[in-house]
Amino acid sequence: METENNNQGDCGKTKVVHRGHTSDAIYGIGLIGAWIYFIGGAATFWLGVLGFLKGLVWPAFLVYAALKYLGV
């Protein structure tokens, strides 16, 4: 979200400009997929809770695995 002040005839009103972010949608789809993957393999309630938390931080797992694969 971006704000712009337009003092030319708008009586000092602030104009709010919304720009689409495709990465938010991709992250959301990945989040749902991660929850299905991690919670689907849970055998107990607490493993399901752990799966939910892992689903929130799945990009960290992805970056860690990529860096490990690249040998960095």
N, C-alpha and C. Protein backbone atom coordinates (compact mmCIF):
# COMPACT_ATOMS: atom_id res chain seq x y z
N MET A 1 0.86 -1.17 0.00
CA MET A 1 0.00 0.00 0.00
C MET A 1 0.90 1.22 0.00
N GLU A 2 0.50 2.20 -0.74
CA GLU A 2 1.28 3.40 -0.89
C GLU A 2 0.34 4.59 -0.74
N THR A 3 0.81 5.62 -0.07
CA THR A 3 -0.01 6.81 0.08
C THR A 3 0.64 7.95 -0.67
N GLU A 4 -0.20 8.80 -1.20
CA GLU A 4 0.28 9.97 -1.92
C GLU A 4 -0.50 11.18 -1.42
N ASN A 5 0.19 12.28 -1.19
CA ASN A 5 -0.46 13.53 -0.85
C ASN A 5 -0.65 14.33 -2.13
N ASN A 6 -1.86 14.69 -2.41
CA ASN A 6 -2.17 15.46 -3.60
C ASN A 6 -2.79 16.76 -3.13
N ASN A 7 -2.03 17.82 -3.12
CA ASN A 7 -2.50 19.10 -2.59
C ASN A 7 -3.11 19.98 -3.67
N GLN A 8 -3.37 19.47 -4.83
CA GLN A 8 -3.92 20.26 -5.92
C GLN A 8 -5.42 20.04 -6.02
N GLY A 9 -6.19 20.76 -5.25
CA GLY A 9 -7.64 20.73 -5.35
C GLY A 9 -8.32 19.64 -4.56
N ASP A 10 -7.61 18.85 -3.78
CA ASP A 10 -8.25 17.79 -3.01
C ASP A 10 -8.39 18.14 -1.54
N CYS A 11 -8.19 19.38 -1.18
CA CYS A 11 -8.33 19.87 0.20
C CYS A 11 -7.47 19.09 1.18
N GLY A 12 -6.29 18.67 0.77
CA GLY A 12 -5.36 17.98 1.67
C GLY A 12 -5.70 16.53 1.95
N LYS A 13 -6.60 15.94 1.18
CA LYS A 13 -6.96 14.54 1.39
C LYS A 13 -5.81 13.64 0.92
N THR A 14 -5.67 12.51 1.58
CA THR A 14 -4.64 11.54 1.23
C THR A 14 -5.24 10.49 0.32
N LYS A 15 -4.56 10.24 -0.79
CA LYS A 15 -5.01 9.23 -1.74
C LYS A 15 -4.25 7.94 -1.46
N VAL A 16 -4.97 6.82 -1.32
CA VAL A 16 -4.36 5.53 -1.04
C VAL A 16 -4.34 4.73 -2.34
N VAL A 17 -3.15 4.25 -2.70
CA VAL A 17 -2.98 3.49 -3.93
C VAL A 17 -2.67 2.05 -3.55
N HIS A 18 -3.50 1.10 -4.01
CA HIS A 18 -3.27 -0.32 -3.76
C HIS A 18 -2.69 -0.94 -5.02
N ARG A 19 -1.63 -1.69 -4.85
CA ARG A 19 -1.03 -2.38 -5.98
C ARG A 19 -1.06 -3.87 -5.70
N GLY A 20 -1.37 -4.65 -6.71
CA GLY A 20 -1.47 -6.10 -6.55
C GLY A 20 -0.12 -6.75 -6.28
N HIS A 21 -0.11 -7.74 -5.43
CA HIS A 21 1.10 -8.47 -5.10
C HIS A 21 0.86 -9.95 -5.35
N THR A 22 1.38 -10.44 -6.45
CA THR A 22 1.19 -11.84 -6.83
C THR A 22 1.87 -12.77 -5.84
N SER A 23 2.96 -12.31 -5.24
CA SER A 23 3.69 -13.18 -4.31
C SER A 23 2.83 -13.53 -3.09
N ASP A 24 1.90 -12.67 -2.70
CA ASP A 24 1.01 -12.99 -1.59
C ASP A 24 0.14 -14.20 -1.92
N ALA A 25 -0.36 -14.24 -3.13
CA ALA A 25 -1.21 -15.37 -3.54
C ALA A 25 -0.40 -16.66 -3.61
N ILE A 26 0.81 -16.58 -4.14
CA ILE A 26 1.66 -17.77 -4.23
C ILE A 26 2.01 -18.27 -2.84
N TYR A 27 2.33 -17.35 -1.92
CA TYR A 27 2.63 -17.75 -0.55
C TYR A 27 1.40 -18.39 0.09
N GLY A 28 0.23 -17.85 -0.15
CA GLY A 28 -0.99 -18.40 0.42
C GLY A 28 -1.27 -19.81 -0.07
N ILE A 29 -1.07 -20.04 -1.36
CA ILE A 29 -1.27 -21.39 -1.90
C ILE A 29 -0.24 -22.35 -1.31
N GLY A 30 1.00 -21.88 -1.18
CA GLY A 30 2.05 -22.70 -0.56
C GLY A 30 1.76 -23.00 0.89
N LEU A 31 1.18 -22.03 1.59
CA LEU A 31 0.82 -22.21 3.01
C LEU A 31 -0.24 -23.29 3.16
N ILE A 32 -1.25 -23.24 2.33
CA ILE A 32 -2.31 -24.25 2.39
C ILE A 32 -1.75 -25.63 2.06
N GLY A 33 -0.90 -25.69 1.04
CA GLY A 33 -0.27 -26.96 0.67
C GLY A 33 0.61 -27.51 1.77
N ALA A 34 1.37 -26.63 2.44
CA ALA A 34 2.22 -27.06 3.54
C ALA A 34 1.39 -27.58 4.71
N TRP A 35 0.28 -26.91 4.99
CA TRP A 35 -0.60 -27.39 6.07
C TRP A 35 -1.15 -28.77 5.73
N ILE A 36 -1.58 -28.97 4.50
CA ILE A 36 -2.09 -30.28 4.11
C ILE A 36 -1.00 -31.33 4.25
N TYR A 37 0.21 -31.00 3.82
CA TYR A 37 1.32 -31.96 3.89
C TYR A 37 1.69 -32.29 5.34
N PHE A 38 1.92 -31.26 6.17
CA PHE A 38 2.39 -31.49 7.53
C PHE A 38 1.29 -32.03 8.45
N ILE A 39 0.09 -31.50 8.35
CA ILE A 39 -1.00 -31.96 9.23
C ILE A 39 -1.52 -33.32 8.77
N GLY A 40 -1.47 -33.57 7.46
CA GLY A 40 -1.93 -34.86 6.94
C GLY A 40 -1.11 -36.03 7.45
N GLY A 41 0.15 -35.80 7.76
CA GLY A 41 1.00 -36.87 8.26
C GLY A 41 1.05 -36.96 9.77
N ALA A 42 0.26 -36.15 10.45
CA ALA A 42 0.28 -36.13 11.92
C ALA A 42 -0.54 -37.29 12.49
N ALA A 43 0.05 -37.99 13.46
CA ALA A 43 -0.64 -39.12 14.08
C ALA A 43 -1.38 -38.72 15.35
N THR A 44 -0.97 -37.62 15.98
CA THR A 44 -1.60 -37.17 17.22
C THR A 44 -1.98 -35.70 17.08
N PHE A 45 -2.74 -35.23 18.05
CA PHE A 45 -3.16 -33.83 18.06
C PHE A 45 -1.96 -32.90 18.12
N TRP A 46 -0.99 -33.19 18.98
CA TRP A 46 0.15 -32.31 19.15
C TRP A 46 1.07 -32.32 17.94
N LEU A 47 1.14 -33.44 17.23
CA LEU A 47 1.88 -33.44 15.98
C LEU A 47 1.15 -32.61 14.92
N GLY A 48 -0.18 -32.57 15.01
CA GLY A 48 -0.95 -31.69 14.13
C GLY A 48 -0.69 -30.23 14.42
N VAL A 49 -0.59 -29.88 15.71
CA VAL A 49 -0.25 -28.50 16.09
C VAL A 49 1.15 -28.15 15.58
N LEU A 50 2.08 -29.09 15.74
CA LEU A 50 3.43 -28.88 15.23
C LEU A 50 3.42 -28.73 13.70
N GLY A 51 2.59 -29.51 13.03
CA GLY A 51 2.44 -29.39 11.58
C GLY A 51 1.90 -28.03 11.17
N PHE A 52 0.96 -27.50 11.95
CA PHE A 52 0.43 -26.17 11.68
C PHE A 52 1.53 -25.12 11.79
N LEU A 53 2.34 -25.22 12.83
CA LEU A 53 3.43 -24.26 13.03
C LEU A 53 4.49 -24.41 11.94
N LYS A 54 4.78 -25.63 11.54
CA LYS A 54 5.74 -25.84 10.44
C LYS A 54 5.20 -25.25 9.14
N GLY A 55 3.90 -25.33 8.96
CA GLY A 55 3.29 -24.76 7.76
C GLY A 55 3.47 -23.25 7.68
N LEU A 56 3.53 -22.59 8.83
CA LEU A 56 3.73 -21.14 8.84
C LEU A 56 5.13 -20.74 8.40
N VAL A 57 6.11 -21.60 8.67
CA VAL A 57 7.50 -21.26 8.38
C VAL A 57 8.09 -22.11 7.26
N TRP A 58 7.25 -22.67 6.37
CA TRP A 58 7.75 -23.54 5.32
C TRP A 58 8.78 -22.87 4.42
N PRO A 59 8.76 -21.55 4.16
CA PRO A 59 9.81 -20.99 3.32
C PRO A 59 11.20 -21.13 3.93
N ALA A 60 11.29 -21.12 5.26
CA ALA A 60 12.58 -21.30 5.91
C ALA A 60 13.12 -22.71 5.64
N PHE A 61 12.25 -23.72 5.68
CA PHE A 61 12.67 -25.08 5.35
C PHE A 61 13.13 -25.16 3.90
N LEU A 62 12.42 -24.48 3.01
CA LEU A 62 12.75 -24.49 1.59
C LEU A 62 14.12 -23.86 1.34
N VAL A 63 14.37 -22.71 1.93
CA VAL A 63 15.66 -22.04 1.74
C VAL A 63 16.78 -22.86 2.36
N TYR A 64 16.55 -23.44 3.53
CA TYR A 64 17.57 -24.28 4.18
C TYR A 64 17.94 -25.47 3.29
N ALA A 65 16.95 -26.14 2.74
CA ALA A 65 17.21 -27.30 1.88
C ALA A 65 17.92 -26.87 0.60
N ALA A 66 17.55 -25.74 0.04
CA ALA A 66 18.20 -25.26 -1.18
C ALA A 66 19.67 -24.92 -0.92
N LEU A 67 19.94 -24.25 0.19
CA LEU A 67 21.32 -23.90 0.51
C LEU A 67 22.15 -25.13 0.83
N LYS A 68 21.53 -26.09 1.48
CA LYS A 68 22.23 -27.35 1.79
C LYS A 68 22.56 -28.09 0.49
N TYR A 69 21.61 -28.10 -0.44
CA TYR A 69 21.82 -28.77 -1.73
C TYR A 69 22.94 -28.08 -2.53
N LEU A 70 22.98 -26.75 -2.46
CA LEU A 70 24.00 -26.00 -3.19
C LEU A 70 25.36 -26.04 -2.50
N GLY A 71 25.41 -26.52 -1.28
CA GLY A 71 26.66 -26.63 -0.54
C GLY A 71 27.16 -25.32 0.02
N VAL A 72 26.28 -24.41 0.26
CA VAL A 72 26.67 -23.10 0.81
C VAL A 72 26.78 -23.15 2.31
